[in-house]
PDB file of all heavy atoms in Angstrom:
ATOM      1  N   PRO A   1      83.954  94.570  73.485  1.00  0.00           N
ATOM      2  CA  PRO A   1      83.996  95.964  73.192  1.00  0.00           C
ATOM      3  C   PRO A   1      84.077  96.926  74.430  1.00  0.00           C
ATOM      4  O   PRO A   1      84.511  98.030  74.312  1.00  0.00           O
ATOM      5  CB  PRO A   1      82.838  96.337  72.233  1.00  0.00           C
ATOM      6  CG  PRO A   1      82.119  94.996  72.163  1.00  0.00           C
ATOM      7  CD  PRO A   1      82.793  93.886  72.754  1.00  0.00           C
ATOM      8  N   SER A   2      83.574  96.299  75.538  1.00  0.00           N
ATOM      9  CA  SER A   2      83.517  97.178  76.786  1.00  0.00           C
ATOM     10  C   SER A   2      84.964  97.220  77.553  1.00  0.00           C
ATOM     11  O   SER A   2      85.125  98.002  78.272  1.00  0.00           O
ATOM     12  CB  SER A   2      82.520  96.676  77.747  1.00  0.00           C
ATOM     13  OG  SER A   2      82.858  95.335  78.202  1.00  0.00           O
ATOM     14  N   TYR A   3      85.768  96.318  77.067  1.00  0.00           N
ATOM     15  CA  TYR A   3      87.270  96.307  77.539  1.00  0.00           C
ATOM     16  C   TYR A   3      88.188  97.231  76.684  1.00  0.00           C
ATOM     17  O   TYR A   3      88.227  96.987  75.425  1.00  0.00           O
ATOM     18  CB  TYR A   3      87.710  94.941  77.807  1.00  0.00           C
ATOM     19  CG  TYR A   3      89.138  94.907  78.264  1.00  0.00           C
ATOM     20  CD1 TYR A   3      89.551  95.336  79.486  1.00  0.00           C
ATOM     21  CD2 TYR A   3      90.269  94.539  77.485  1.00  0.00           C
ATOM     22  CE1 TYR A   3      90.809  95.394  80.044  1.00  0.00           C
ATOM     23  CE2 TYR A   3      91.547  94.630  77.870  1.00  0.00           C
ATOM     24  CZ  TYR A   3      91.774  94.950  79.105  1.00  0.00           C
ATOM     25  OH  TYR A   3      93.090  95.083  79.531  1.00  0.00           O
ATOM     26  N   LYS A   4      88.811  98.086  77.265  1.00  0.00           N
ATOM     27  CA  LYS A   4      89.717  98.955  76.511  1.00  0.00           C
ATOM     28  C   LYS A   4      91.114  98.787  77.259  1.00  0.00           C
ATOM     29  O   LYS A   4      91.215  99.123  78.444  1.00  0.00           O
ATOM     30  CB  LYS A   4      89.398 100.467  76.596  1.00  0.00           C
ATOM     31  CG  LYS A   4      87.919 100.744  76.151  1.00  0.00           C
ATOM     32  CD  LYS A   4      87.942 100.555  74.611  1.00  0.00           C
ATOM     33  CE  LYS A   4      86.502 100.936  74.113  1.00  0.00           C
ATOM     34  NZ  LYS A   4      85.865 100.020  73.192  1.00  0.00           N
ATOM     35  N   ALA A   5      91.956  98.125  76.574  1.00  0.00           N
ATOM     36  CA  ALA A   5      93.321  97.882  77.068  1.00  0.00           C
ATOM     37  C   ALA A   5      94.158  99.035  76.974  1.00  0.00           C
ATOM     38  O   ALA A   5      93.946  99.938  76.049  1.00  0.00           O
ATOM     39  CB  ALA A   5      94.011  96.758  76.415  1.00  0.00           C
ATOM     40  N   ASN A   6      95.090  99.363  77.836  1.00  0.00           N
ATOM     41  CA  ASN A   6      96.181 100.347  77.663  1.00  0.00           C
ATOM     42  C   ASN A   6      97.460  99.598  77.521  1.00  0.00           C
ATOM     43  O   ASN A   6      97.538  98.382  77.655  1.00  0.00           O
ATOM     44  CB  ASN A   6      96.175 101.491  78.674  1.00  0.00           C
ATOM     45  CG  ASN A   6      96.573 100.943  79.978  1.00  0.00           C
ATOM     46  OD1 ASN A   6      97.351 100.196  80.265  1.00  0.00           O
ATOM     47  ND2 ASN A   6      95.856 101.612  81.000  1.00  0.00           N
ATOM     48  N   LYS A   7      98.473 100.230  77.214  1.00  0.00           N
ATOM     49  CA  LYS A   7      99.769  99.545  76.891  1.00  0.00           C
ATOM     50  C   LYS A   7     100.583  99.279  78.096  1.00  0.00           C
ATOM     51  O   LYS A   7     101.657  98.698  78.028  1.00  0.00           O
ATOM     52  CB  LYS A   7     100.667 100.418  75.917  1.00  0.00           C
ATOM     53  CG  LYS A   7     100.008 100.577  74.442  1.00  0.00           C
ATOM     54  CD  LYS A   7     100.739 101.307  73.524  1.00  0.00           C
ATOM     55  CE  LYS A   7     100.135 101.338  72.215  1.00  0.00           C
ATOM     56  NZ  LYS A   7     100.876 102.053  71.192  1.00  0.00           N
ATOM     57  N   PHE A   8     100.021  99.780  79.253  1.00  0.00           N
ATOM     58  CA  PHE A   8     100.746  99.533  80.552  1.00  0.00           C
ATOM     59  C   PHE A   8     100.610  98.110  81.016  1.00  0.00           C
ATOM     60  O   PHE A   8      99.489  97.551  81.228  1.00  0.00           O
ATOM     61  CB  PHE A   8     100.247 100.460  81.591  1.00  0.00           C
ATOM     62  CG  PHE A   8     101.103 100.524  82.845  1.00  0.00           C
ATOM     63  CD1 PHE A   8     102.376 100.793  82.853  1.00  0.00           C
ATOM     64  CD2 PHE A   8     100.392 100.128  83.996  1.00  0.00           C
ATOM     65  CE1 PHE A   8     103.122 100.911  83.966  1.00  0.00           C
ATOM     66  CE2 PHE A   8     101.250 100.208  85.226  1.00  0.00           C
ATOM     67  CZ  PHE A   8     102.566 100.631  85.192  1.00  0.00           C
ATOM     68  N   VAL A   9     101.737  97.311  81.116  1.00  0.00           N
ATOM     69  CA  VAL A   9     101.729  95.951  81.546  1.00  0.00           C
ATOM     70  C   VAL A   9     102.901  95.861  82.643  1.00  0.00           C
ATOM     71  O   VAL A   9     103.982  96.370  82.331  1.00  0.00           O
ATOM     72  CB  VAL A   9     101.850  94.945  80.396  1.00  0.00           C
ATOM     73  CG1 VAL A   9     102.091  93.604  80.870  1.00  0.00           C
ATOM     74  CG2 VAL A   9     100.729  95.032  79.522  1.00  0.00           C
ATOM     75  N   ILE A  10     102.584  95.070  83.729  1.00  0.00           N
ATOM     76  CA  ILE A  10     103.696  94.768  84.582  1.00  0.00           C
ATOM     77  C   ILE A  10     103.895  93.349  84.684  1.00  0.00           C
ATOM     78  O   ILE A  10     102.805  92.537  84.967  1.00  0.00           O
ATOM     79  CB  ILE A  10     103.277  95.396  86.097  1.00  0.00           C
ATOM     80  CG1 ILE A  10     103.263  96.779  86.045  1.00  0.00           C
ATOM     81  CG2 ILE A  10     104.407  94.818  87.007  1.00  0.00           C
ATOM     82  CD1 ILE A  10     102.872  97.452  87.384  1.00  0.00           C
ATOM     83  N   GLU A  11     105.023  92.782  84.475  1.00  0.00           N
ATOM     84  CA  GLU A  11     105.336  91.342  84.561  1.00  0.00           C
ATOM     85  C   GLU A  11     106.080  91.210  85.780  1.00  0.00           C
ATOM     86  O   GLU A  11     107.096  91.794  86.049  1.00  0.00           O
ATOM     87  CB  GLU A  11     106.140  90.878  83.378  1.00  0.00           C
ATOM     88  CG  GLU A  11     105.354  90.777  82.093  1.00  0.00           C
ATOM     89  CD  GLU A  11     105.947  90.168  80.916  1.00  0.00           C
ATOM     90  OE1 GLU A  11     106.653  89.147  81.186  1.00  0.00           O
ATOM     91  OE2 GLU A  11     105.700  90.645  79.765  1.00  0.00           O
ATOM     92  N   PHE A  12     105.611  90.286  86.738  1.00  0.00           N
ATOM     93  CA  PHE A  12     106.196  90.097  88.116  1.00  0.00           C
ATOM     94  C   PHE A  12     105.739  88.642  88.481  1.00  0.00           C
ATOM     95  O   PHE A  12     104.721  88.210  88.363  1.00  0.00           O
ATOM     96  CB  PHE A  12     105.589  91.149  89.075  1.00  0.00           C
ATOM     97  CG  PHE A  12     106.177  90.849  90.408  1.00  0.00           C
ATOM     98  CD1 PHE A  12     107.538  91.289  90.671  1.00  0.00           C
ATOM     99  CD2 PHE A  12     105.419  90.523  91.416  1.00  0.00           C
ATOM    100  CE1 PHE A  12     108.001  91.082  91.994  1.00  0.00           C
ATOM    101  CE2 PHE A  12     105.887  90.321  92.733  1.00  0.00           C
ATOM    102  CZ  PHE A  12     107.187  90.709  93.003  1.00  0.00           C
ATOM    103  N   GLN A  13     106.823  87.912  88.997  1.00  0.00           N
ATOM    104  CA  GLN A  13     106.648  86.619  89.494  1.00  0.00           C
ATOM    105  C   GLN A  13     105.936  85.613  88.524  1.00  0.00           C
ATOM    106  O   GLN A  13     104.970  84.828  88.914  1.00  0.00           O
ATOM    107  CB  GLN A  13     105.860  86.632  90.811  1.00  0.00           C
ATOM    108  CG  GLN A  13     106.460  87.312  91.979  1.00  0.00           C
ATOM    109  CD  GLN A  13     107.727  86.687  92.437  1.00  0.00           C
ATOM    110  OE1 GLN A  13     107.760  85.388  92.673  1.00  0.00           O
ATOM    111  NE2 GLN A  13     108.865  87.275  92.458  1.00  0.00           N
ATOM    112  N   GLY A  14     106.283  85.782  87.235  1.00  0.00           N
ATOM    113  CA  GLY A  14     105.781  84.899  86.143  1.00  0.00           C
ATOM    114  C   GLY A  14     104.323  85.254  85.776  1.00  0.00           C
ATOM    115  O   GLY A  14     103.663  84.479  85.100  1.00  0.00           O
ATOM    116  N   ARG A  15     103.807  86.399  86.163  1.00  0.00           N
ATOM    117  CA  ARG A  15     102.464  86.765  85.854  1.00  0.00           C
ATOM    118  C   ARG A  15     102.460  88.118  85.143  1.00  0.00           C
ATOM    119  O   ARG A  15     103.319  88.990  85.493  1.00  0.00           O
ATOM    120  CB  ARG A  15     101.608  86.806  87.163  1.00  0.00           C
ATOM    121  CG  ARG A  15     101.275  85.514  87.606  1.00  0.00           C
ATOM    122  CD  ARG A  15     100.930  85.436  89.012  1.00  0.00           C
ATOM    123  NE  ARG A  15     100.593  84.070  89.501  1.00  0.00           N
ATOM    124  CZ  ARG A  15     101.443  83.243  89.949  1.00  0.00           C
ATOM    125  NH1 ARG A  15     102.811  83.541  89.891  1.00  0.00           N
ATOM    126  NH2 ARG A  15     101.116  82.090  90.302  1.00  0.00           N
ATOM    127  N   LYS A  16     101.579  88.221  84.247  1.00  0.00           N
ATOM    128  CA  LYS A  16     101.483  89.490  83.454  1.00  0.00           C
ATOM    129  C   LYS A  16     100.237  90.296  83.938  1.00  0.00           C
ATOM    130  O   LYS A  16      99.029  89.740  83.836  1.00  0.00           O
ATOM    131  CB  LYS A  16     101.398  89.266  81.978  1.00  0.00           C
ATOM    132  CG  LYS A  16     101.308  90.453  81.065  1.00  0.00           C
ATOM    133  CD  LYS A  16     101.110  90.153  79.636  1.00  0.00           C
ATOM    134  CE  LYS A  16     102.428  89.555  79.097  1.00  0.00           C
ATOM    135  NZ  LYS A  16     102.418  89.382  77.683  1.00  0.00           N
ATOM    136  N   PHE A  17     100.372  91.475  84.540  1.00  0.00           N
ATOM    137  CA  PHE A  17      99.282  92.209  85.064  1.00  0.00           C
ATOM    138  C   PHE A  17      98.908  93.233  83.950  1.00  0.00           C
ATOM    139  O   PHE A  17      99.711  94.204  83.663  1.00  0.00           O
ATOM    140  CB  PHE A  17      99.727  92.949  86.403  1.00  0.00           C
ATOM    141  CG  PHE A  17      99.915  91.880  87.449  1.00  0.00           C
ATOM    142  CD1 PHE A  17     101.154  91.479  87.669  1.00  0.00           C
ATOM    143  CD2 PHE A  17      98.961  91.470  88.290  1.00  0.00           C
ATOM    144  CE1 PHE A  17     101.530  90.560  88.667  1.00  0.00           C
ATOM    145  CE2 PHE A  17      99.127  90.583  89.281  1.00  0.00           C
ATOM    146  CZ  PHE A  17     100.532  90.116  89.456  1.00  0.00           C
ATOM    147  N   ARG A  18      97.817  93.023  83.336  1.00  0.00           N
ATOM    148  CA  ARG A  18      97.312  93.849  82.178  1.00  0.00           C
ATOM    149  C   ARG A  18      96.456  94.986  82.719  1.00  0.00           C
ATOM    150  O   ARG A  18      95.572  94.750  83.610  1.00  0.00           O
ATOM    151  CB  ARG A  18      96.609  93.173  81.153  1.00  0.00           C
ATOM    152  CG  ARG A  18      97.274  92.201  80.459  1.00  0.00           C
ATOM    153  CD  ARG A  18      96.287  91.148  79.698  1.00  0.00           C
ATOM    154  NE  ARG A  18      97.070  90.314  78.686  1.00  0.00           N
ATOM    155  CZ  ARG A  18      97.374  89.148  79.064  1.00  0.00           C
ATOM    156  NH1 ARG A  18      97.114  88.672  80.068  1.00  0.00           N
ATOM    157  NH2 ARG A  18      98.030  88.387  78.042  1.00  0.00           N
ATOM    158  N   PHE A  19      96.584  96.265  82.356  1.00  0.00           N
ATOM    159  CA  PHE A  19      95.769  97.378  82.701  1.00  0.00           C
ATOM    160  C   PHE A  19      94.822  97.843  81.660  1.00  0.00           C
ATOM    161  O   PHE A  19      95.260  97.855  80.535  1.00  0.00           O
ATOM    162  CB  PHE A  19      96.653  98.508  83.239  1.00  0.00           C
ATOM    163  CG  PHE A  19      97.385  98.159  84.563  1.00  0.00           C
ATOM    164  CD1 PHE A  19      98.548  97.363  84.518  1.00  0.00           C
ATOM    165  CD2 PHE A  19      96.973  98.608  85.754  1.00  0.00           C
ATOM    166  CE1 PHE A  19      99.350  97.034  85.648  1.00  0.00           C
ATOM    167  CE2 PHE A  19      97.644  98.267  86.916  1.00  0.00           C
ATOM    168  CZ  PHE A  19      98.896  97.379  86.894  1.00  0.00           C
ATOM    169  N   GLY A  20      93.673  98.391  82.006  1.00  0.00           N
ATOM    170  CA  GLY A  20      92.762  98.837  81.111  1.00  0.00           C
ATOM    171  C   GLY A  20      91.550  99.279  81.818  1.00  0.00           C
ATOM    172  O   GLY A  20      91.481  99.525  82.993  1.00  0.00           O
ATOM    173  N   THR A  21      90.440  99.375  81.044  1.00  0.00           N
ATOM    174  CA  THR A  21      89.150  99.753  81.639  1.00  0.00           C
ATOM    175  C   THR A  21      88.087  98.870  81.126  1.00  0.00           C
ATOM    176  O   THR A  21      88.092  98.296  80.026  1.00  0.00           O
ATOM    177  CB  THR A  21      88.705 101.244  81.312  1.00  0.00           C
ATOM    178  OG1 THR A  21      88.681 101.408  79.890  1.00  0.00           O
ATOM    179  CG2 THR A  21      89.643 102.228  81.889  1.00  0.00           C
ATOM    180  N   ILE A  22      87.112  98.672  81.928  1.00  0.00           N
ATOM    181  CA  ILE A  22      85.884  97.860  81.675  1.00  0.00           C
ATOM    182  C   ILE A  22      84.711  98.908  81.785  1.00  0.00           C
ATOM    183  O   ILE A  22      84.377  99.214  83.078  1.00  0.00           O
ATOM    184  CB  ILE A  22      85.725  96.587  82.356  1.00  0.00           C
ATOM    185  CG1 ILE A  22      86.817  95.704  82.090  1.00  0.00           C
ATOM    186  CG2 ILE A  22      84.344  95.926  82.080  1.00  0.00           C
ATOM    187  CD1 ILE A  22      86.871  94.376  82.910  1.00  0.00           C
ATOM    188  N   GLY A  23      84.023  99.330  80.899  1.00  0.00           N
ATOM    189  CA  GLY A  23      83.053 100.355  80.924  1.00  0.00           C
ATOM    190  C   GLY A  23      83.851 101.595  81.517  1.00  0.00           C
ATOM    191  O   GLY A  23      84.816 102.044  80.887  1.00  0.00           O
ATOM    192  N   ASN A  24      83.535 102.093  82.588  1.00  0.00           N
ATOM    193  CA  ASN A  24      84.245 103.235  83.243  1.00  0.00           C
ATOM    194  C   ASN A  24      85.080 102.985  84.391  1.00  0.00           C
ATOM    195  O   ASN A  24      85.528 103.957  85.163  1.00  0.00           O
ATOM    196  CB  ASN A  24      83.223 104.452  83.531  1.00  0.00           C
ATOM    197  CG  ASN A  24      82.296 104.071  84.580  1.00  0.00           C
ATOM    198  OD1 ASN A  24      82.168 102.857  84.928  1.00  0.00           O
ATOM    199  ND2 ASN A  24      81.385 104.905  84.926  1.00  0.00           N
ATOM    200  N   ARG A  25      85.212 101.528  84.698  1.00  0.00           N
ATOM    201  CA  ARG A  25      86.056 101.099  85.849  1.00  0.00           C
ATOM    202  C   ARG A  25      87.449 100.841  85.330  1.00  0.00           C
ATOM    203  O   ARG A  25      87.687 100.058  84.426  1.00  0.00           O
ATOM    204  CB  ARG A  25      85.384  99.895  86.418  1.00  0.00           C
ATOM    205  CG  ARG A  25      84.135 100.034  87.097  1.00  0.00           C
ATOM    206  CD  ARG A  25      83.929 100.288  88.457  1.00  0.00           C
ATOM    207  NE  ARG A  25      84.927  99.841  89.402  1.00  0.00           N
ATOM    208  CZ  ARG A  25      84.786  98.819  90.334  1.00  0.00           C
ATOM    209  NH1 ARG A  25      83.572  98.203  90.395  1.00  0.00           N
ATOM    210  NH2 ARG A  25      85.755  98.512  91.120  1.00  0.00           N
ATOM    211  N   LYS A  26      88.445 101.370  86.066  1.00  0.00           N
ATOM    212  CA  LYS A  26      89.827 100.919  85.863  1.00  0.00           C
ATOM    213  C   LYS A  26      90.011  99.434  86.382  1.00  0.00           C
ATOM    214  O   LYS A  26      89.440  99.051  87.328  1.00  0.00           O
ATOM    215  CB  LYS A  26      90.750 101.846  86.606  1.00  0.00           C
ATOM    216  CG  LYS A  26      90.767 103.247  86.167  1.00  0.00           C
ATOM    217  CD  LYS A  26      91.545 104.084  87.063  1.00  0.00           C
ATOM    218  CE  LYS A  26      91.335 105.581  86.735  1.00  0.00           C
ATOM    219  NZ  LYS A  26      92.021 106.451  87.710  1.00  0.00           N
ATOM    220  N   ALA A  27      90.699  98.673  85.586  1.00  0.00           N
ATOM    221  CA  ALA A  27      90.831  97.235  85.855  1.00  0.00           C
ATOM    222  C   ALA A  27      92.260  96.801  85.695  1.00  0.00           C
ATOM    223  O   ALA A  27      93.014  97.213  84.862  1.00  0.00           O
ATOM    224  CB  ALA A  27      89.849  96.414  84.966  1.00  0.00           C
ATOM    225  N   ILE A  28      92.602  95.616  86.490  1.00  0.00           N
ATOM    226  CA  ILE A  28      93.838  94.930  86.388  1.00  0.00           C
ATOM    227  C   ILE A  28      93.423  93.516  86.009  1.00  0.00           C
ATOM    228  O   ILE A  28      92.570  92.969  86.777  1.00  0.00           O
ATOM    229  CB  ILE A  28      94.676  94.938  87.605  1.00  0.00           C
ATOM    230  CG1 ILE A  28      95.038  96.326  88.071  1.00  0.00           C
ATOM    231  CG2 ILE A  28      95.868  94.043  87.404  1.00  0.00           C
ATOM    232  CD1 ILE A  28      95.791  96.346  89.434  1.00  0.00           C
ATOM    233  N   LEU A  29      93.871  92.897  84.986  1.00  0.00           N
ATOM    234  CA  LEU A  29      93.629  91.627  84.518  1.00  0.00           C
ATOM    235  C   LEU A  29      94.808  90.790  84.673  1.00  0.00           C
ATOM    236  O   LEU A  29      95.928  91.183  84.278  1.00  0.00           O
ATOM    237  CB  LEU A  29      93.195  91.497  83.139  1.00  0.00           C
ATOM    238  CG  LEU A  29      91.804  91.982  82.691  1.00  0.00           C
ATOM    239  CD1 LEU A  29      91.494  93.422  83.037  1.00  0.00           C
ATOM    240  CD2 LEU A  29      91.358  91.686  81.360  1.00  0.00           C
ATOM    241  N   VAL A  30      94.708  89.512  85.275  1.00  0.00           N
ATOM    242  CA  VAL A  30      95.866  88.707  85.493  1.00  0.00           C
ATOM    243  C   VAL A  30      95.399  87.180  85.305  1.00  0.00           C
ATOM    244  O   VAL A  30      94.367  86.867  85.703  1.00  0.00           O
ATOM    245  CB  VAL A  30      96.583  88.834  86.826  1.00  0.00           C
ATOM    246  CG1 VAL A  30      95.668  88.657  87.936  1.00  0.00           C
ATOM    247  CG2 VAL A  30      97.969  88.093  86.763  1.00  0.00           C
ATOM    248  N   ILE A  31      96.280  86.298  84.790  1.00  0.00           N
ATOM    249  CA  ILE A  31      96.012  84.888  84.597  1.00  0.00           C
ATOM    250  C   ILE A  31      96.736  84.263  85.674  1.00  0.00           C
ATOM    251  O   ILE A  31      97.972  84.414  85.980  1.00  0.00           O
ATOM    252  CB  ILE A  31      96.525  84.345  83.246  1.00  0.00           C
ATOM    253  CG1 ILE A  31      95.770  85.026  82.056  1.00  0.00           C
ATOM    254  CG2 ILE A  31      96.526  82.856  83.142  1.00  0.00           C
ATOM    255  CD1 ILE A  31      96.288  84.731  80.681  1.00  0.00           C
ATOM    256  N   THR A  32      95.960  83.287  86.376  1.00  0.00           N
ATOM    257  CA  THR A  32      96.495  82.636  87.544  1.00  0.00           C
ATOM    258  C   THR A  32      97.155  81.331  87.210  1.00  0.00           C
ATOM    259  O   THR A  32      98.117  80.886  87.901  1.00  0.00           O
ATOM    260  CB  THR A  32      95.392  82.151  88.446  1.00  0.00           C
ATOM    261  OG1 THR A  32      94.465  81.209  87.858  1.00  0.00           O
ATOM    262  CG2 THR A  32      94.485  83.332  88.996  1.00  0.00           C
ATOM    263  N   GLY A  33      96.740  80.661  86.145  1.00  0.00           N
ATOM    264  CA  GLY A  33      97.183  79.250  85.864  1.00  0.00           C
ATOM    265  C   GLY A  33      96.196  78.417  86.582  1.00  0.00           C
ATOM    266  O   GLY A  33      95.281  78.875  87.400  1.00  0.00           O
ATOM    267  N   LEU A  34      96.150  77.086  86.253  1.00  0.00           N
ATOM    268  CA  LEU A  34      95.062  76.114  86.818  1.00  0.00           C
ATOM    269  C   LEU A  34      95.334  75.830  88.254  1.00  0.00           C
ATOM    270  O   LEU A  34      96.531  75.721  88.603  1.00  0.00           O
ATOM    271  CB  LEU A  34      94.996  74.968  86.084  1.00  0.00           C
ATOM    272  CG  LEU A  34      94.536  75.243  84.471  1.00  0.00           C
ATOM    273  CD1 LEU A  34      94.590  73.845  83.686  1.00  0.00           C
ATOM    274  CD2 LEU A  34      93.210  75.932  84.483  1.00  0.00           C
ATOM    275  N   GLY A  35      94.298  75.538  88.956  1.00  0.00           N
ATOM    276  CA  GLY A  35      94.464  75.105  90.328  1.00  0.00           C
ATOM    277  C   GLY A  35      94.363  76.098  91.486  1.00  0.00           C
ATOM    278  O   GLY A  35      94.508  77.303  91.264  1.00  0.00           O
ATOM    279  N   VAL A  36      93.910  75.619  92.703  1.00  0.00           N
ATOM    280  CA  VAL A  36      93.788  76.443  93.764  1.00  0.00           C
ATOM    281  C   VAL A  36      94.940  77.146  94.298  1.00  0.00           C
ATOM    282  O   VAL A  36      94.918  78.288  94.721  1.00  0.00           O
ATOM    283  CB  VAL A  36      93.082  75.641  94.916  1.00  0.00           C
ATOM    284  CG1 VAL A  36      93.041  76.431  96.268  1.00  0.00           C
ATOM    285  CG2 VAL A  36      91.745  75.108  94.611  1.00  0.00           C
TER     286      VAL A  36
END
């Protein structure tokens, strides 16, 4: 419940950068895939 997504997403280099807020902080979430 503390994460609020917005509809703004950027797809680049095979990654999806999701934008939203966590509490009152603006955040970008992205999945790396496995491995260093």
